[in-house]
Amino acid sequence: MNAREEKKWSDYGKSRLISRNRLLFPHHRIVTQYFLDFFKDLDVNLKILDIGCGDGFFMELLRDLGFKNIKGIDISVSMLEKAKEKGLDVEKKDIYDIDDKEKYSVVLVMDVLEHLEKPEEALKKIYNILNPQGFLYMNIPICDSLSLRLWRLLSGQTRAELVRGCDET
């Protein structure tokens, strides 16, 4: 990743809402409830990687559920600082630089795939780091609501441009 991209994501992290405000949005409350319902009965010893962990919101939820082996990566230094303040195990790393030798039971990709330049390559990378019985838990925002269609029409953005920028958190 070049210095310009790095600065963009660091600035992005500074402009995003912090975790405690995330639940103000109905969509995020629904996503969070589904997430908690899904993970609440799983083995807390699963090895989990949160790709694009941001400030560690989902990692923190997992920790609160009792999960012990959670790691996060992100390219936004400002977001990683927030995650570290919460005592989370995070590091600055691009998805494309993940070591294929390290295997995980669960990979989280929450509102990240739509921002990637090469999503196909990212999905291949995720497949390669999953244990044979492992799984990907992913969320992709719906950027085709009536209000966003109107915005796209008025702004002249393509659907791809809108999806890459579609984020409330």
N, C-alpha and C. Protein backbone atom coordinates (compact mmCIF):
# COMPACT_ATOMS: atom_id res chain seq x y z
N MET A 1 0.84 -1.16 0.00
CA MET A 1 0.00 0.00 0.00
C MET A 1 0.90 1.24 0.00
N ASN A 2 0.51 2.22 -0.78
CA ASN A 2 1.33 3.43 -0.86
C ASN A 2 0.96 4.41 0.26
N ALA A 3 1.79 5.45 0.40
CA ALA A 3 1.62 6.42 1.49
C ALA A 3 0.28 7.16 1.38
N ARG A 4 -0.17 7.42 0.16
CA ARG A 4 -1.45 8.12 -0.03
C ARG A 4 -2.62 7.28 0.49
N GLU A 5 -2.62 6.01 0.15
CA GLU A 5 -3.67 5.10 0.63
C GLU A 5 -3.63 5.00 2.15
N GLU A 6 -2.42 4.90 2.68
CA GLU A 6 -2.26 4.79 4.13
C GLU A 6 -2.84 6.02 4.84
N LYS A 7 -2.56 7.20 4.31
CA LYS A 7 -3.09 8.43 4.90
C LYS A 7 -4.62 8.47 4.78
N LYS A 8 -5.14 8.05 3.64
CA LYS A 8 -6.59 8.04 3.42
C LYS A 8 -7.28 7.21 4.50
N TRP A 9 -6.77 6.01 4.77
CA TRP A 9 -7.41 5.13 5.74
C TRP A 9 -7.19 5.61 7.17
N SER A 10 -6.07 6.25 7.43
CA SER A 10 -5.85 6.80 8.76
C SER A 10 -6.82 7.97 9.01
N ASP A 11 -6.98 8.83 8.00
CA ASP A 11 -7.95 9.93 8.10
C ASP A 11 -9.37 9.39 8.23
N TYR A 12 -9.67 8.33 7.49
CA TYR A 12 -10.97 7.68 7.56
C TYR A 12 -11.25 7.25 9.00
N GLY A 13 -10.25 6.64 9.62
CA GLY A 13 -10.42 6.18 11.00
C GLY A 13 -10.70 7.31 11.96
N LYS A 14 -10.10 8.46 11.73
CA LYS A 14 -10.33 9.61 12.60
C LYS A 14 -11.73 10.18 12.43
N SER A 15 -12.33 9.97 11.26
CA SER A 15 -13.64 10.56 10.98
C SER A 15 -14.80 9.64 11.32
N ARG A 16 -14.55 8.40 11.65
CA ARG A 16 -15.62 7.44 11.91
C ARG A 16 -16.14 7.54 13.33
N LEU A 17 -17.37 7.12 13.49
CA LEU A 17 -17.97 7.07 14.81
C LEU A 17 -17.27 6.02 15.65
N ILE A 18 -17.16 6.28 16.93
CA ILE A 18 -16.57 5.27 17.80
C ILE A 18 -17.64 4.25 18.17
N SER A 19 -17.20 3.13 18.69
CA SER A 19 -18.07 1.98 18.92
C SER A 19 -19.34 2.32 19.69
N ARG A 20 -19.24 3.11 20.71
CA ARG A 20 -20.43 3.34 21.54
C ARG A 20 -21.54 4.05 20.78
N ASN A 21 -21.21 4.75 19.71
CA ASN A 21 -22.22 5.44 18.91
C ASN A 21 -22.76 4.59 17.77
N ARG A 22 -22.09 3.49 17.48
CA ARG A 22 -22.46 2.64 16.35
C ARG A 22 -23.91 2.17 16.45
N LEU A 23 -24.37 1.90 17.64
CA LEU A 23 -25.70 1.32 17.82
C LEU A 23 -26.82 2.34 17.70
N LEU A 24 -26.49 3.58 17.41
CA LEU A 24 -27.52 4.59 17.15
C LEU A 24 -28.25 4.29 15.84
N PHE A 25 -27.59 3.59 14.93
CA PHE A 25 -28.16 3.31 13.63
C PHE A 25 -28.90 1.97 13.66
N PRO A 26 -30.17 1.93 13.25
CA PRO A 26 -30.95 0.69 13.29
C PRO A 26 -30.26 -0.48 12.58
N HIS A 27 -29.67 -0.21 11.43
CA HIS A 27 -29.00 -1.28 10.68
C HIS A 27 -27.90 -1.92 11.53
N HIS A 28 -27.14 -1.11 12.24
CA HIS A 28 -26.04 -1.64 13.04
C HIS A 28 -26.55 -2.42 14.25
N ARG A 29 -27.68 -2.00 14.80
CA ARG A 29 -28.26 -2.77 15.91
C ARG A 29 -28.67 -4.16 15.42
N ILE A 30 -29.26 -4.22 14.23
CA ILE A 30 -29.68 -5.52 13.67
C ILE A 30 -28.47 -6.39 13.39
N VAL A 31 -27.45 -5.84 12.74
CA VAL A 31 -26.23 -6.60 12.43
C VAL A 31 -25.59 -7.11 13.72
N THR A 32 -25.55 -6.26 14.74
CA THR A 32 -24.95 -6.64 16.01
C THR A 32 -25.73 -7.76 16.68
N GLN A 33 -27.06 -7.68 16.64
CA GLN A 33 -27.87 -8.72 17.27
C GLN A 33 -27.70 -10.06 16.55
N TYR A 34 -27.69 -10.06 15.23
CA TYR A 34 -27.44 -11.29 14.47
C TYR A 34 -26.07 -11.86 14.82
N PHE A 35 -25.09 -10.98 14.91
CA PHE A 35 -23.72 -11.39 15.23
C PHE A 35 -23.68 -12.09 16.60
N LEU A 36 -24.26 -11.45 17.60
CA LEU A 36 -24.28 -12.01 18.95
C LEU A 36 -25.04 -13.34 18.99
N ASP A 37 -26.18 -13.39 18.33
CA ASP A 37 -26.97 -14.63 18.29
C ASP A 37 -26.19 -15.76 17.63
N PHE A 38 -25.44 -15.45 16.60
CA PHE A 38 -24.68 -16.46 15.87
C PHE A 38 -23.53 -17.01 16.72
N PHE A 39 -22.80 -16.13 17.38
CA PHE A 39 -21.58 -16.54 18.08
C PHE A 39 -21.80 -17.00 19.52
N LYS A 40 -22.93 -16.71 20.11
CA LYS A 40 -23.11 -16.96 21.55
C LYS A 40 -22.96 -18.41 21.97
N ASP A 41 -23.23 -19.37 21.09
CA ASP A 41 -23.15 -20.77 21.47
C ASP A 41 -21.97 -21.51 20.86
N LEU A 42 -21.05 -20.78 20.23
CA LEU A 42 -19.88 -21.42 19.62
C LEU A 42 -18.77 -21.62 20.65
N ASP A 43 -17.85 -22.51 20.34
CA ASP A 43 -16.70 -22.80 21.19
C ASP A 43 -15.85 -21.54 21.35
N VAL A 44 -15.64 -21.11 22.58
CA VAL A 44 -14.89 -19.87 22.83
C VAL A 44 -13.39 -20.02 22.57
N ASN A 45 -12.94 -21.22 22.24
CA ASN A 45 -11.53 -21.44 21.95
C ASN A 45 -11.21 -21.36 20.46
N LEU A 46 -12.20 -21.04 19.64
CA LEU A 46 -11.94 -20.89 18.20
C LEU A 46 -10.91 -19.79 17.97
N LYS A 47 -10.06 -20.00 16.98
CA LYS A 47 -9.06 -19.00 16.59
C LYS A 47 -9.70 -18.09 15.55
N ILE A 48 -9.81 -16.79 15.87
CA ILE A 48 -10.57 -15.85 15.06
C ILE A 48 -9.67 -14.71 14.57
N LEU A 49 -9.83 -14.36 13.29
CA LEU A 49 -9.16 -13.20 12.71
C LEU A 49 -10.22 -12.24 12.20
N ASP A 50 -10.15 -11.00 12.65
CA ASP A 50 -11.05 -9.94 12.19
C ASP A 50 -10.28 -9.06 11.21
N ILE A 51 -10.62 -9.21 9.92
CA ILE A 51 -9.95 -8.44 8.87
C ILE A 51 -10.68 -7.11 8.69
N GLY A 52 -9.93 -6.03 8.80
CA GLY A 52 -10.55 -4.70 8.77
C GLY A 52 -11.25 -4.42 10.08
N CYS A 53 -10.58 -4.76 11.17
CA CYS A 53 -11.20 -4.72 12.51
C CYS A 53 -11.56 -3.32 12.98
N GLY A 54 -11.01 -2.29 12.34
CA GLY A 54 -11.33 -0.93 12.76
C GLY A 54 -10.97 -0.71 14.22
N ASP A 55 -11.91 -0.18 14.98
CA ASP A 55 -11.65 0.09 16.40
C ASP A 55 -11.89 -1.12 17.28
N GLY A 56 -12.16 -2.27 16.67
CA GLY A 56 -12.30 -3.51 17.42
C GLY A 56 -13.70 -3.79 17.94
N PHE A 57 -14.70 -3.16 17.37
CA PHE A 57 -16.08 -3.33 17.84
C PHE A 57 -16.49 -4.80 17.93
N PHE A 58 -16.31 -5.55 16.84
CA PHE A 58 -16.74 -6.95 16.84
C PHE A 58 -15.80 -7.82 17.67
N MET A 59 -14.54 -7.48 17.73
CA MET A 59 -13.61 -8.20 18.59
C MET A 59 -14.01 -8.05 20.05
N GLU A 60 -14.42 -6.86 20.41
CA GLU A 60 -14.85 -6.59 21.78
C GLU A 60 -16.11 -7.40 22.12
N LEU A 61 -17.04 -7.49 21.19
CA LEU A 61 -18.24 -8.31 21.41
C LEU A 61 -17.85 -9.77 21.64
N LEU A 62 -16.93 -10.26 20.82
CA LEU A 62 -16.48 -11.65 20.98
C LEU A 62 -15.80 -11.85 22.33
N ARG A 63 -14.96 -10.92 22.72
CA ARG A 63 -14.29 -11.01 24.02
C ARG A 63 -15.33 -11.05 25.14
N ASP A 64 -16.36 -10.22 25.02
CA ASP A 64 -17.43 -10.20 26.02
C ASP A 64 -18.19 -11.52 26.08
N LEU A 65 -18.23 -12.23 24.95
CA LEU A 65 -18.88 -13.55 24.92
C LEU A 65 -17.96 -14.65 25.47
N GLY A 66 -16.71 -14.30 25.76
CA GLY A 66 -15.78 -15.27 26.34
C GLY A 66 -14.74 -15.82 25.39
N PHE A 67 -14.73 -15.37 24.15
CA PHE A 67 -13.73 -15.85 23.20
C PHE A 67 -12.35 -15.36 23.63
N LYS A 68 -11.35 -16.23 23.46
CA LYS A 68 -10.02 -15.95 23.99
C LYS A 68 -8.96 -15.71 22.93
N ASN A 69 -9.15 -16.24 21.73
CA ASN A 69 -8.10 -16.20 20.71
C ASN A 69 -8.57 -15.37 19.52
N ILE A 70 -8.55 -14.06 19.70
CA ILE A 70 -9.07 -13.13 18.69
C ILE A 70 -7.95 -12.18 18.28
N LYS A 71 -7.74 -12.07 16.99
CA LYS A 71 -6.73 -11.15 16.47
C LYS A 71 -7.39 -10.28 15.41
N GLY A 72 -6.96 -9.03 15.32
CA GLY A 72 -7.51 -8.13 14.32
C GLY A 72 -6.41 -7.47 13.51
N ILE A 73 -6.73 -7.21 12.25
CA ILE A 73 -5.82 -6.45 11.39
C ILE A 73 -6.61 -5.32 10.73
N ASP A 74 -5.91 -4.23 10.47
CA ASP A 74 -6.50 -3.10 9.79
C ASP A 74 -5.36 -2.27 9.21
N ILE A 75 -5.69 -1.40 8.27
CA ILE A 75 -4.66 -0.54 7.70
C ILE A 75 -4.75 0.89 8.23
N SER A 76 -5.75 1.16 9.05
CA SER A 76 -5.93 2.50 9.61
C SER A 76 -5.25 2.58 10.98
N VAL A 77 -4.16 3.33 11.05
CA VAL A 77 -3.43 3.47 12.30
C VAL A 77 -4.32 4.09 13.37
N SER A 78 -5.12 5.07 13.02
CA SER A 78 -5.97 5.73 14.01
C SER A 78 -7.01 4.76 14.58
N MET A 79 -7.56 3.89 13.76
CA MET A 79 -8.52 2.90 14.26
C MET A 79 -7.82 1.86 15.14
N LEU A 80 -6.64 1.44 14.73
CA LEU A 80 -5.89 0.47 15.53
C LEU A 80 -5.54 1.03 16.90
N GLU A 81 -5.24 2.30 16.97
CA GLU A 81 -4.96 2.93 18.27
C GLU A 81 -6.17 2.80 19.19
N LYS A 82 -7.37 3.01 18.64
CA LYS A 82 -8.60 2.87 19.44
C LYS A 82 -8.78 1.43 19.91
N ALA A 83 -8.48 0.48 19.03
CA ALA A 83 -8.61 -0.94 19.40
C ALA A 83 -7.60 -1.31 20.48
N LYS A 84 -6.38 -0.81 20.36
CA LYS A 84 -5.35 -1.10 21.37
C LYS A 84 -5.72 -0.53 22.72
N GLU A 85 -6.38 0.63 22.74
CA GLU A 85 -6.83 1.22 24.00
C GLU A 85 -7.82 0.31 24.72
N LYS A 86 -8.50 -0.55 23.97
CA LYS A 86 -9.45 -1.51 24.55
C LYS A 86 -8.76 -2.80 24.96
N GLY A 87 -7.44 -2.87 24.77
CA GLY A 87 -6.69 -4.07 25.15
C GLY A 87 -6.82 -5.20 24.14
N LEU A 88 -7.13 -4.88 22.90
CA LEU A 88 -7.32 -5.90 21.87
C LEU A 88 -6.01 -6.19 21.13
N ASP A 89 -5.87 -7.42 20.66
CA ASP A 89 -4.68 -7.87 19.93
C ASP A 89 -4.85 -7.51 18.46
N VAL A 90 -4.26 -6.40 18.06
CA VAL A 90 -4.40 -5.92 16.69
C VAL A 90 -3.04 -5.54 16.12
N GLU A 91 -2.97 -5.55 14.79
CA GLU A 91 -1.75 -5.09 14.13
C GLU A 91 -2.09 -4.46 12.79
N LYS A 92 -1.18 -3.60 12.36
CA LYS A 92 -1.35 -2.94 11.06
C LYS A 92 -0.91 -3.91 9.98
N LYS A 93 -1.87 -4.32 9.18
CA LYS A 93 -1.58 -5.25 8.10
C LYS A 93 -2.67 -5.16 7.05
N ASP A 94 -2.27 -5.27 5.81
CA ASP A 94 -3.19 -5.30 4.68
C ASP A 94 -3.65 -6.74 4.48
N ILE A 95 -4.88 -6.93 4.07
CA ILE A 95 -5.42 -8.27 3.85
C ILE A 95 -4.56 -9.08 2.89
N TYR A 96 -3.98 -8.42 1.92
CA TYR A 96 -3.20 -9.13 0.90
C TYR A 96 -1.84 -9.59 1.42
N ASP A 97 -1.46 -9.10 2.61
CA ASP A 97 -0.16 -9.46 3.20
C ASP A 97 -0.27 -10.51 4.30
N ILE A 98 -1.44 -11.08 4.49
CA ILE A 98 -1.62 -12.10 5.53
C ILE A 98 -0.81 -13.34 5.16
N ASP A 99 -0.15 -13.93 6.17
CA ASP A 99 0.64 -15.14 5.97
C ASP A 99 -0.29 -16.35 5.82
N ASP A 100 -0.20 -17.03 4.68
CA ASP A 100 -1.05 -18.20 4.40
C ASP A 100 -0.78 -19.37 5.35
N LYS A 101 0.36 -19.36 6.02
CA LYS A 101 0.70 -20.48 6.92
C LYS A 101 -0.12 -20.44 8.20
N GLU A 102 -0.55 -19.26 8.59
CA GLU A 102 -1.36 -19.12 9.79
C GLU A 102 -2.81 -19.44 9.45
N LYS A 103 -3.41 -20.36 10.20
CA LYS A 103 -4.78 -20.81 9.91
C LYS A 103 -5.74 -20.37 11.02
N TYR A 104 -6.97 -20.11 10.62
CA TYR A 104 -8.00 -19.64 11.55
C TYR A 104 -9.26 -20.48 11.43
N SER A 105 -9.99 -20.56 12.54
CA SER A 105 -11.28 -21.25 12.55
C SER A 105 -12.37 -20.34 11.99
N VAL A 106 -12.23 -19.05 12.25
CA VAL A 106 -13.22 -18.06 11.83
C VAL A 106 -12.49 -16.83 11.30
N VAL A 107 -12.96 -16.32 10.18
CA VAL A 107 -12.48 -15.04 9.67
C VAL A 107 -13.68 -14.11 9.57
N LEU A 108 -13.57 -12.95 10.20
CA LEU A 108 -14.61 -11.93 10.13
C LEU A 108 -14.23 -10.89 9.08
N VAL A 109 -15.20 -10.53 8.26
CA VAL A 109 -15.02 -9.45 7.28
C VAL A 109 -16.31 -8.63 7.33
N MET A 110 -16.30 -7.65 8.21
CA MET A 110 -17.51 -6.88 8.49
C MET A 110 -17.44 -5.50 7.83
N ASP A 111 -18.24 -5.31 6.80
CA ASP A 111 -18.29 -4.03 6.07
C ASP A 111 -16.92 -3.63 5.53
N VAL A 112 -16.22 -4.60 4.96
CA VAL A 112 -14.86 -4.38 4.45
C VAL A 112 -14.75 -4.70 2.97
N LEU A 113 -15.34 -5.79 2.53
CA LEU A 113 -15.14 -6.28 1.17
C LEU A 113 -15.47 -5.23 0.11
N GLU A 114 -16.48 -4.42 0.36
CA GLU A 114 -16.90 -3.42 -0.61
C GLU A 114 -15.87 -2.29 -0.78
N HIS A 115 -14.91 -2.21 0.14
CA HIS A 115 -13.88 -1.17 0.06
C HIS A 115 -12.61 -1.64 -0.64
N LEU A 116 -12.51 -2.92 -0.93
CA LEU A 116 -11.26 -3.48 -1.46
C LEU A 116 -11.14 -3.32 -2.96
N GLU A 117 -9.93 -3.07 -3.40
CA GLU A 117 -9.64 -2.94 -4.84
C GLU A 117 -9.77 -4.28 -5.55
N LYS A 118 -9.34 -5.36 -4.87
CA LYS A 118 -9.34 -6.69 -5.48
C LYS A 118 -10.07 -7.68 -4.57
N PRO A 119 -11.41 -7.60 -4.53
CA PRO A 119 -12.15 -8.47 -3.61
C PRO A 119 -11.98 -9.96 -3.92
N GLU A 120 -11.81 -10.30 -5.20
CA GLU A 120 -11.64 -11.72 -5.55
C GLU A 120 -10.35 -12.26 -4.94
N GLU A 121 -9.28 -11.47 -5.02
CA GLU A 121 -8.00 -11.88 -4.44
C GLU A 121 -8.12 -11.98 -2.92
N ALA A 122 -8.85 -11.07 -2.32
CA ALA A 122 -9.05 -11.10 -0.87
C ALA A 122 -9.80 -12.36 -0.45
N LEU A 123 -10.82 -12.74 -1.19
CA LEU A 123 -11.58 -13.96 -0.86
C LEU A 123 -10.72 -15.20 -1.01
N LYS A 124 -9.86 -15.22 -2.01
CA LYS A 124 -8.92 -16.35 -2.16
C LYS A 124 -7.98 -16.42 -0.97
N LYS A 125 -7.49 -15.27 -0.54
CA LYS A 125 -6.60 -15.21 0.62
C LYS A 125 -7.32 -15.74 1.86
N ILE A 126 -8.56 -15.32 2.05
CA ILE A 126 -9.34 -15.78 3.19
C ILE A 126 -9.52 -17.29 3.14
N TYR A 127 -9.84 -17.81 1.97
CA TYR A 127 -10.00 -19.26 1.81
C TYR A 127 -8.72 -19.98 2.23
N ASN A 128 -7.58 -19.43 1.85
CA ASN A 128 -6.29 -20.07 2.14
C ASN A 128 -5.91 -20.04 3.61
N ILE A 129 -6.46 -19.12 4.39
CA ILE A 129 -6.10 -19.06 5.81
C ILE A 129 -7.14 -19.72 6.72
N LEU A 130 -8.21 -20.21 6.13
CA LEU A 130 -9.22 -20.90 6.93
C LEU A 130 -8.85 -22.36 7.15
N ASN A 131 -9.08 -22.86 8.37
CA ASN A 131 -8.96 -24.29 8.63
C ASN A 131 -9.96 -25.03 7.75
N PRO A 132 -9.75 -26.32 7.50
CA PRO A 132 -10.70 -27.07 6.66
C PRO A 132 -12.15 -26.97 7.14
N GLN A 133 -12.37 -26.93 8.45
CA GLN A 133 -13.74 -26.80 8.97
C GLN A 133 -14.07 -25.35 9.36
N GLY A 134 -13.20 -24.42 8.99
CA GLY A 134 -13.40 -23.02 9.35
C GLY A 134 -14.44 -22.35 8.49
N PHE A 135 -14.81 -21.13 8.89
CA PHE A 135 -15.81 -20.41 8.11
C PHE A 135 -15.55 -18.91 8.11
N LEU A 136 -16.13 -18.28 7.11
CA LEU A 136 -16.08 -16.83 6.94
C LEU A 136 -17.40 -16.26 7.42
N TYR A 137 -17.35 -15.26 8.30
CA TYR A 137 -18.54 -14.53 8.72
C TYR A 137 -18.38 -13.13 8.16
N MET A 138 -19.31 -12.74 7.29
CA MET A 138 -19.13 -11.51 6.54
C MET A 138 -20.42 -10.69 6.53
N ASN A 139 -20.26 -9.38 6.51
CA ASN A 139 -21.39 -8.48 6.32
C ASN A 139 -21.02 -7.49 5.22
N ILE A 140 -21.94 -7.30 4.30
CA ILE A 140 -21.77 -6.31 3.24
C ILE A 140 -22.99 -5.41 3.29
N PRO A 141 -22.80 -4.09 3.42
CA PRO A 141 -23.96 -3.20 3.51
C PRO A 141 -24.75 -3.16 2.21
N ILE A 142 -26.04 -2.98 2.36
CA ILE A 142 -26.91 -2.85 1.19
C ILE A 142 -26.89 -1.38 0.78
N CYS A 143 -26.33 -1.14 -0.36
CA CYS A 143 -26.19 0.25 -0.83
C CYS A 143 -27.16 0.55 -1.97
N ASP A 144 -28.29 -0.14 -1.98
CA ASP A 144 -29.24 0.09 -3.07
C ASP A 144 -30.62 0.46 -2.52
N SER A 145 -30.63 1.09 -1.35
CA SER A 145 -31.90 1.54 -0.80
C SER A 145 -32.43 2.70 -1.65
N LEU A 146 -33.68 3.03 -1.45
CA LEU A 146 -34.30 4.11 -2.22
C LEU A 146 -33.53 5.42 -2.05
N SER A 147 -33.15 5.73 -0.81
CA SER A 147 -32.43 6.99 -0.58
C SER A 147 -31.07 6.98 -1.26
N LEU A 148 -30.39 5.84 -1.25
CA LEU A 148 -29.08 5.78 -1.91
C LEU A 148 -29.20 5.75 -3.43
N ARG A 149 -30.28 5.21 -3.94
CA ARG A 149 -30.51 5.28 -5.40
C ARG A 149 -30.67 6.74 -5.83
N LEU A 150 -31.44 7.50 -5.03
CA LEU A 150 -31.64 8.91 -5.32
C LEU A 150 -30.30 9.66 -5.24
N TRP A 151 -29.52 9.38 -4.21
CA TRP A 151 -28.21 10.01 -4.07
C TRP A 151 -27.33 9.70 -5.28
N ARG A 152 -27.35 8.44 -5.71
CA ARG A 152 -26.54 8.03 -6.86
C ARG A 152 -26.96 8.80 -8.11
N LEU A 153 -28.26 8.95 -8.28
CA LEU A 153 -28.78 9.68 -9.43
C LEU A 153 -28.35 11.15 -9.39
N LEU A 154 -28.47 11.76 -8.22
CA LEU A 154 -28.13 13.18 -8.08
C LEU A 154 -26.63 13.44 -8.12
N SER A 155 -25.85 12.51 -7.57
CA SER A 155 -24.40 12.73 -7.49
C SER A 155 -23.67 12.29 -8.75
N GLY A 156 -24.32 11.44 -9.55
CA GLY A 156 -23.66 10.93 -10.74
C GLY A 156 -22.68 9.81 -10.46
N GLN A 157 -22.68 9.30 -9.23
CA GLN A 157 -21.77 8.20 -8.89
C GLN A 157 -22.22 6.90 -9.53
N THR A 158 -21.27 6.08 -9.88
CA THR A 158 -21.60 4.74 -10.34
C THR A 158 -21.96 3.90 -9.12
N ARG A 159 -22.57 2.76 -9.35
CA ARG A 159 -22.91 1.86 -8.24
C ARG A 159 -21.64 1.43 -7.51
N ALA A 160 -20.58 1.13 -8.26
CA ALA A 160 -19.31 0.70 -7.64
C ALA A 160 -18.74 1.80 -6.75
N GLU A 161 -18.78 3.04 -7.21
CA GLU A 161 -18.27 4.16 -6.40
C GLU A 161 -19.09 4.32 -5.13
N LEU A 162 -20.39 4.18 -5.26
CA LEU A 162 -21.26 4.31 -4.11
C LEU A 162 -21.00 3.20 -3.10
N VAL A 163 -20.89 1.97 -3.58
CA VAL A 163 -20.67 0.83 -2.69
C VAL A 163 -19.36 0.99 -1.94
N ARG A 164 -18.32 1.43 -2.63
CA ARG A 164 -17.02 1.60 -1.96
C ARG A 164 -17.09 2.65 -0.85
N GLY A 165 -17.99 3.60 -0.99
CA GLY A 165 -18.10 4.65 0.01
C GLY A 165 -19.25 4.47 0.98
N CYS A 166 -20.04 3.43 0.81
CA CYS A 166 -21.24 3.21 1.61
C CYS A 166 -20.87 2.71 3.00
N ASP A 167 -20.93 3.61 3.97
CA ASP A 167 -20.54 3.23 5.32
C ASP A 167 -21.08 4.26 6.29
N GLU A 168 -21.63 3.81 7.37
CA GLU A 168 -22.12 4.71 8.41
C GLU A 168 -21.22 4.68 9.64
N THR A 169 -20.30 3.70 9.70
CA THR A 169 -19.57 3.52 10.96
C THR A 169 -18.23 4.16 10.92
